[in-house]
C-alpha atoms as a PDB file:
ATOM      1  CA  MET A   1      18.115  20.310  11.015  1.00  0.00           C
ATOM      2  CA  GLU A   2      14.387  21.432  10.752  1.00  0.00           C
ATOM      3  CA  ARG A   3      11.994  18.627  10.319  1.00  0.00           C
ATOM      4  CA  LYS A   4       9.483  18.994   7.285  1.00  0.00           C
ATOM      5  CA  GLU A   5       5.550  18.763   7.710  1.00  0.00           C
ATOM      6  CA  ARG A   6       4.550  14.993   7.165  1.00  0.00           C
ATOM      7  CA  ASN A   7       2.447  14.319   4.166  1.00  0.00           C
ATOM      8  CA  LEU A   8       0.835  11.098   5.304  1.00  0.00           C
ATOM      9  CA  TYR A   9      -1.045   9.915   8.507  1.00  0.00           C
ATOM     10  CA  ARG A  10      -2.634   6.708   9.720  1.00  0.00           C
ATOM     11  CA  LEU A  11      -6.454   7.373  10.183  1.00  0.00           C
ATOM     12  CA  ASP A  12      -6.317   6.292  13.776  1.00  0.00           C
ATOM     13  CA  GLU A  13      -3.808   9.273  14.483  1.00  0.00           C
ATOM     14  CA  LEU A  14      -6.183  11.843  13.516  1.00  0.00           C
ATOM     15  CA  SER A  15      -9.043  12.194  15.968  1.00  0.00           C
ATOM     16  CA  ASP A  16     -10.886  14.685  13.991  1.00  0.00           C
ATOM     17  CA  TYR A  17     -11.183  12.338  10.897  1.00  0.00           C
ATOM     18  CA  LYS A  18     -13.488   9.396  10.533  1.00  0.00           C
ATOM     19  CA  VAL A  19     -14.579   7.305   7.680  1.00  0.00           C
ATOM     20  CA  ALA A  20     -17.532   8.987   5.931  1.00  0.00           C
ATOM     21  CA  SER A  21     -20.983   7.425   6.572  1.00  0.00           C
ATOM     22  CA  ASP A  22     -21.701   6.125   3.018  1.00  0.00           C
ATOM     23  CA  TYR A  23     -18.721   3.998   3.140  1.00  0.00           C
ATOM     24  CA  PRO A  24     -17.688   1.113   4.810  1.00  0.00           C
ATOM     25  CA  ASP A  25     -14.763   1.092   7.414  1.00  0.00           C
ATOM     26  CA  VAL A  26     -12.417  -1.757   5.785  1.00  0.00           C
ATOM     27  CA  ARG A  27      -9.972  -1.839   8.607  1.00  0.00           C
ATOM     28  CA  GLY A  28     -10.104  -5.614   9.665  1.00  0.00           C
ATOM     29  CA  TRP A  29     -11.046  -6.772   6.103  1.00  0.00           C
ATOM     30  CA  ASN A  30      -8.632  -9.201   4.036  1.00  0.00           C
ATOM     31  CA  LEU A  31      -6.852  -8.085   0.747  1.00  0.00           C
ATOM     32  CA  ILE A  32      -7.522 -10.675  -1.746  1.00  0.00           C
ATOM     33  CA  ASP A  33      -5.804 -10.359  -5.268  1.00  0.00           C
ATOM     34  CA  ALA A  34      -7.347 -11.119  -8.758  1.00  0.00           C
ATOM     35  CA  ASP A  35      -6.391 -14.900  -8.245  1.00  0.00           C
ATOM     36  CA  ASN A  36      -8.205 -15.115  -4.938  1.00  0.00           C
ATOM     37  CA  LYS A  37      -5.197 -15.307  -2.902  1.00  0.00           C
ATOM     38  CA  THR A  38      -5.042 -13.624   0.471  1.00  0.00           C
ATOM     39  CA  ILE A  39      -2.585 -10.828   0.718  1.00  0.00           C
ATOM     40  CA  GLY A  40      -3.202  -9.819   4.339  1.00  0.00           C
ATOM     41  CA  LYS A  41      -5.636  -7.650   6.523  1.00  0.00           C
ATOM     42  CA  ILE A  42      -6.361  -3.915   6.248  1.00  0.00           C
ATOM     43  CA  ASP A  43      -4.539  -2.473   9.240  1.00  0.00           C
ATOM     44  CA  ASN A  44      -5.403   1.102   8.570  1.00  0.00           C
ATOM     45  CA  LEU A  45      -6.308   3.987   6.012  1.00  0.00           C
ATOM     46  CA  ILE A  46      -3.646   6.283   4.978  1.00  0.00           C
ATOM     47  CA  VAL A  47      -4.909   9.890   4.803  1.00  0.00           C
ATOM     48  CA  ASN A  48      -3.303  12.760   2.949  1.00  0.00           C
ATOM     49  CA  LYS A  49      -4.369  15.774   5.066  1.00  0.00           C
ATOM     50  CA  THR A  50      -3.804  18.190   2.120  1.00  0.00           C
ATOM     51  CA  THR A  51      -6.678  16.554   0.011  1.00  0.00           C
ATOM     52  CA  GLU A  52      -8.358  15.445   3.065  1.00  0.00           C
ATOM     53  CA  ARG A  53      -9.122  11.922   1.779  1.00  0.00           C
ATOM     54  CA  VAL A  54      -7.847   8.476   2.216  1.00  0.00           C
ATOM     55  CA  VAL A  55      -4.994   7.666  -0.785  1.00  0.00           C
ATOM     56  CA  TYR A  56      -3.729   4.279   0.627  1.00  0.00           C
ATOM     57  CA  LEU A  57      -4.786   1.153   2.639  1.00  0.00           C
ATOM     58  CA  ASP A  58      -2.176  -0.127   4.970  1.00  0.00           C
ATOM     59  CA  VAL A  59      -1.956  -3.631   4.762  1.00  0.00           C
ATOM     60  CA  GLU A  60      -0.351  -5.988   7.229  1.00  0.00           C
ATOM     61  CA  VAL A  61       0.732  -9.014   5.134  1.00  0.00           C
ATOM     62  CA  ASN A  62       0.188 -12.606   5.968  1.00  0.00           C
ATOM     63  CA  GLU A  63       3.099 -14.876   6.838  1.00  0.00           C
ATOM     64  CA  ASP A  64       2.973 -16.982   3.695  1.00  0.00           C
ATOM     65  CA  LEU A  65       3.408 -13.909   1.360  1.00  0.00           C
ATOM     66  CA  ILE A  66       6.608 -12.664   3.452  1.00  0.00           C
ATOM     67  CA  LYS A  67       7.933 -16.214   3.388  1.00  0.00           C
ATOM     68  CA  GLU A  68       7.358 -16.364  -0.523  1.00  0.00           C
ATOM     69  CA  GLY A  69       8.909 -12.836  -0.747  1.00  0.00           C
ATOM     70  CA  HIS A  70      12.096 -14.187   1.345  1.00  0.00           C
ATOM     71  CA  GLU A  71      12.350 -17.078  -0.913  1.00  0.00           C
ATOM     72  CA  ALA A  72      12.764 -14.966  -3.892  1.00  0.00           C
ATOM     73  CA  TYR A  73      15.760 -13.204  -2.356  1.00  0.00           C
ATOM     74  CA  ALA A  74      17.299 -16.633  -1.753  1.00  0.00           C
ATOM     75  CA  ILE A  75      17.967 -16.655  -5.489  1.00  0.00           C
ATOM     76  CA  PRO A  76      21.781 -16.065  -6.123  1.00  0.00           C
ATOM     77  CA  SER A  77      22.760 -12.610  -7.468  1.00  0.00           C
ATOM     78  CA  ASN A  78      23.979 -13.967 -10.949  1.00  0.00           C
ATOM     79  CA  LYS A  79      20.232 -15.224 -11.624  1.00  0.00           C
ATOM     80  CA  GLY A  80      18.678 -11.658 -11.431  1.00  0.00           C
ATOM     81  CA  ALA A  81      19.130  -8.618  -8.918  1.00  0.00           C
ATOM     82  CA  HIS A  82      16.580  -8.058  -6.334  1.00  0.00           C
ATOM     83  CA  GLU A  83      15.675  -4.282  -5.718  1.00  0.00           C
ATOM     84  CA  PHE A  84      14.319  -4.943  -2.246  1.00  0.00           C
ATOM     85  CA  ILE A  85      15.256  -6.575   1.045  1.00  0.00           C
ATOM     86  CA  ASN A  86      12.855  -6.619   3.786  1.00  0.00           C
ATOM     87  CA  LYS A  87      14.035  -6.829   7.395  1.00  0.00           C
ATOM     88  CA  GLU A  88      12.680  -8.525  10.351  1.00  0.00           C
ATOM     89  CA  GLY A  89       9.066  -6.847  11.454  1.00  0.00           C
ATOM     90  CA  GLU A  90       8.634  -5.068   8.305  1.00  0.00           C
ATOM     91  CA  ASP A  91       5.268  -6.455   7.353  1.00  0.00           C
ATOM     92  CA  HIS A  92       3.048  -3.865   6.137  1.00  0.00           C
ATOM     93  CA  LEU A  93       2.755  -2.489   2.542  1.00  0.00           C
ATOM     94  CA  ILE A  94       0.614   0.257   1.137  1.00  0.00           C
ATOM     95  CA  LEU A  95      -1.898   0.066  -1.749  1.00  0.00           C
ATOM     96  CA  PRO A  96      -3.600   2.988  -3.647  1.00  0.00           C
ATOM     97  CA  ILE A  97      -7.232   3.212  -2.874  1.00  0.00           C
ATOM     98  CA  GLY A  98      -8.030   3.243  -6.403  1.00  0.00           C
ATOM     99  CA  SER A  99      -6.343  -0.175  -7.036  1.00  0.00           C
ATOM    100  CA  VAL A 100      -8.966  -1.992  -5.245  1.00  0.00           C
ATOM    101  CA  SER A 101     -12.681  -2.940  -5.295  1.00  0.00           C
ATOM    102  CA  LEU A 102     -14.742  -3.563  -2.328  1.00  0.00           C
ATOM    103  CA  ASP A 103     -16.719  -6.998  -2.000  1.00  0.00           C
ATOM    104  CA  GLU A 104     -19.090  -5.380   1.039  1.00  0.00           C
ATOM    105  CA  ASP A 105     -21.259  -8.420   1.047  1.00  0.00           C
ATOM    106  CA  ASN A 106     -18.156 -10.528   2.263  1.00  0.00           C
ATOM    107  CA  LYS A 107     -16.321  -7.897   3.784  1.00  0.00           C
ATOM    108  CA  LYS A 108     -13.229  -8.296   1.386  1.00  0.00           C
ATOM    109  CA  VAL A 109     -10.948  -5.739  -0.419  1.00  0.00           C
ATOM    110  CA  VAL A 110      -9.936  -6.839  -3.974  1.00  0.00           C
ATOM    111  CA  SER A 111      -7.045  -6.175  -5.863  1.00  0.00           C
ATOM    112  CA  ASN A 112      -7.618  -6.923  -9.333  1.00  0.00           C
ATOM    113  CA  VAL A 113      -4.481  -5.279 -10.817  1.00  0.00           C
ATOM    114  CA  ILE A 114      -1.710  -6.290  -8.553  1.00  0.00           C
ATOM    115  CA  ARG A 115      -1.015  -9.876  -8.242  1.00  0.00           C
ATOM    116  CA  TYR A 116       0.419 -12.184  -5.441  1.00  0.00           C
ATOM    117  CA  GLU A 117       3.780 -12.298  -6.462  1.00  0.00           C
ATOM    118  CA  THR A 118       4.168  -8.553  -7.055  1.00  0.00           C
ATOM    119  CA  PHE A 119       2.896  -7.962  -3.339  1.00  0.00           C
ATOM    120  CA  ALA A 120       5.290 -11.003  -2.126  1.00  0.00           C
ATOM    121  CA  ASN A 121       8.449  -9.296  -3.777  1.00  0.00           C
ATOM    122  CA  THR A 122       7.426  -5.660  -2.634  1.00  0.00           C
ATOM    123  CA  ASP A 123       9.287  -3.284  -0.253  1.00  0.00           C
ATOM    124  CA  ARG A 124       7.625  -3.369   2.962  1.00  0.00           C
ATOM    125  CA  PHE A 125       7.840  -1.219   6.173  1.00  0.00           C
ATOM    126  CA  GLY A 126       7.264  -1.568  10.058  1.00  0.00           C
ATOM    127  CA  LYS A 127       3.780  -0.854  11.198  1.00  0.00           C
ATOM    128  CA  ASN A 128       4.891   2.269  13.042  1.00  0.00           C
ATOM    129  CA  ASN A 129       7.136   3.487  10.507  1.00  0.00           C
ATOM    130  CA  GLU A 130       6.427   7.147   8.578  1.00  0.00           C
ATOM    131  CA  ILE A 131       5.621   6.736   5.087  1.00  0.00           C
ATOM    132  CA  GLU A 132       7.991   9.076   3.207  1.00  0.00           C
ATOM    133  CA  ARG A 133       7.659  10.042  -0.612  1.00  0.00           C
ATOM    134  CA  GLU A 134      10.606   8.195  -1.679  1.00  0.00           C
ATOM    135  CA  TYR A 135       8.817   4.951  -0.520  1.00  0.00           C
ATOM    136  CA  GLU A 136       5.464   5.810  -2.247  1.00  0.00           C
ATOM    137  CA  VAL A 137       7.340   6.576  -5.795  1.00  0.00           C
ATOM    138  CA  LYS A 138       9.108   3.131  -5.057  1.00  0.00           C
ATOM    139  CA  LEU A 139       6.267   1.190  -4.673  1.00  0.00           C
ATOM    140  CA  LEU A 140       4.144   2.954  -7.363  1.00  0.00           C
ATOM    141  CA  SER A 141       6.851   2.083  -9.807  1.00  0.00           C
ATOM    142  CA  VAL A 142       6.612  -1.553  -8.988  1.00  0.00           C
ATOM    143  CA  TYR A 143       2.676  -1.513  -8.886  1.00  0.00           C
ATOM    144  CA  TYR A 144       2.724   0.889 -12.160  1.00  0.00           C
ATOM    145  CA  PRO A 145       5.715   0.530 -14.029  1.00  0.00           C
ATOM    146  CA  GLU A 146       4.426   2.350 -17.060  1.00  0.00           C
ATOM    147  CA  GLU A 147       4.156   5.752 -15.462  1.00  0.00           C
ATOM    148  CA  ASP A 148       6.938   8.103 -15.223  1.00  0.00           C
ATOM    149  CA  TYR A 149       7.831   9.229 -11.569  1.00  0.00           C
ATOM    150  CA  THR A 150      10.790  11.258 -12.310  1.00  0.00           C
ATOM    151  CA  VAL A 151       9.075  14.489 -12.211  1.00  0.00           C
ATOM    152  CA  VAL A 152       6.952  14.464  -8.729  1.00  0.00           C
ATOM    153  CA  ASP A 153       4.544  17.294  -8.547  1.00  0.00           C
ATOM    154  CA  GLU A 154       3.485  18.036  -5.022  1.00  0.00           C
ATOM    155  CA  ASP A 155       0.353  19.636  -6.080  1.00  0.00           C
ATOM    156  CA  ASP A 156      -0.913  17.124  -7.921  1.00  0.00           C
ATOM    157  CA  PHE A 157       0.856  13.781  -6.734  1.00  0.00           C
ATOM    158  CA  TYR A 158      -2.462  12.103  -5.532  1.00  0.00           C
ATOM    159  CA  ASP A 159      -4.600  13.129  -8.703  1.00  0.00           C
ATOM    160  CA  ARG A 160      -3.567  10.130 -10.409  1.00  0.00           C
ATOM    161  CA  ARG A 161      -6.075   7.685 -11.389  1.00  0.00           C
ATOM    162  CA  TYR A 162      -5.187   4.979  -8.625  1.00  0.00           C
ATOM    163  CA  PHE A 163      -5.586   7.384  -5.906  1.00  0.00           C
ATOM    164  CA  LYS A 164      -9.310   7.728  -6.895  1.00  0.00           C
ATOM    165  CA  HIS A 165     -11.437   5.143  -5.477  1.00  0.00           C
ATOM    166  CA  ASN A 166     -14.629   4.250  -7.669  1.00  0.00           C
ATOM    167  CA  ARG A 167     -17.446   2.350  -5.867  1.00  0.00           C
END
């Protein structure tokens, strides 16, 4: 079986890519939600090589968020179905770059759109797992449920508003 070309890469995998000089390198900064709750730390930047820009932040979520998400799955199935089941070691998630603002003075990344509970109940992945389009679409449908993801045009997938970072 022929393996297709990867779509997304972690910045530290690409020796010829670096953070633009007029942007701060947010790796290591905390991700905070609109209610000032800590989600985790920015572990890496996810680059789309076709568009040659960062499209996601790779977030290592904190232990409290993992515990809260785990407790949500302990609810009996007759109380409501849960779409995501995270396994041990799945402690990363991605967040579109346009979903955040930067608090450069305090070295924080702030999500004013997506709240703690959504992050806690979101499908995560392991640190070194490849990010596949199926995961992207699944996650975006949780973050932005009002959008239609049934037709995915490869050429303009990253033209959506939440992939465009405004400073």
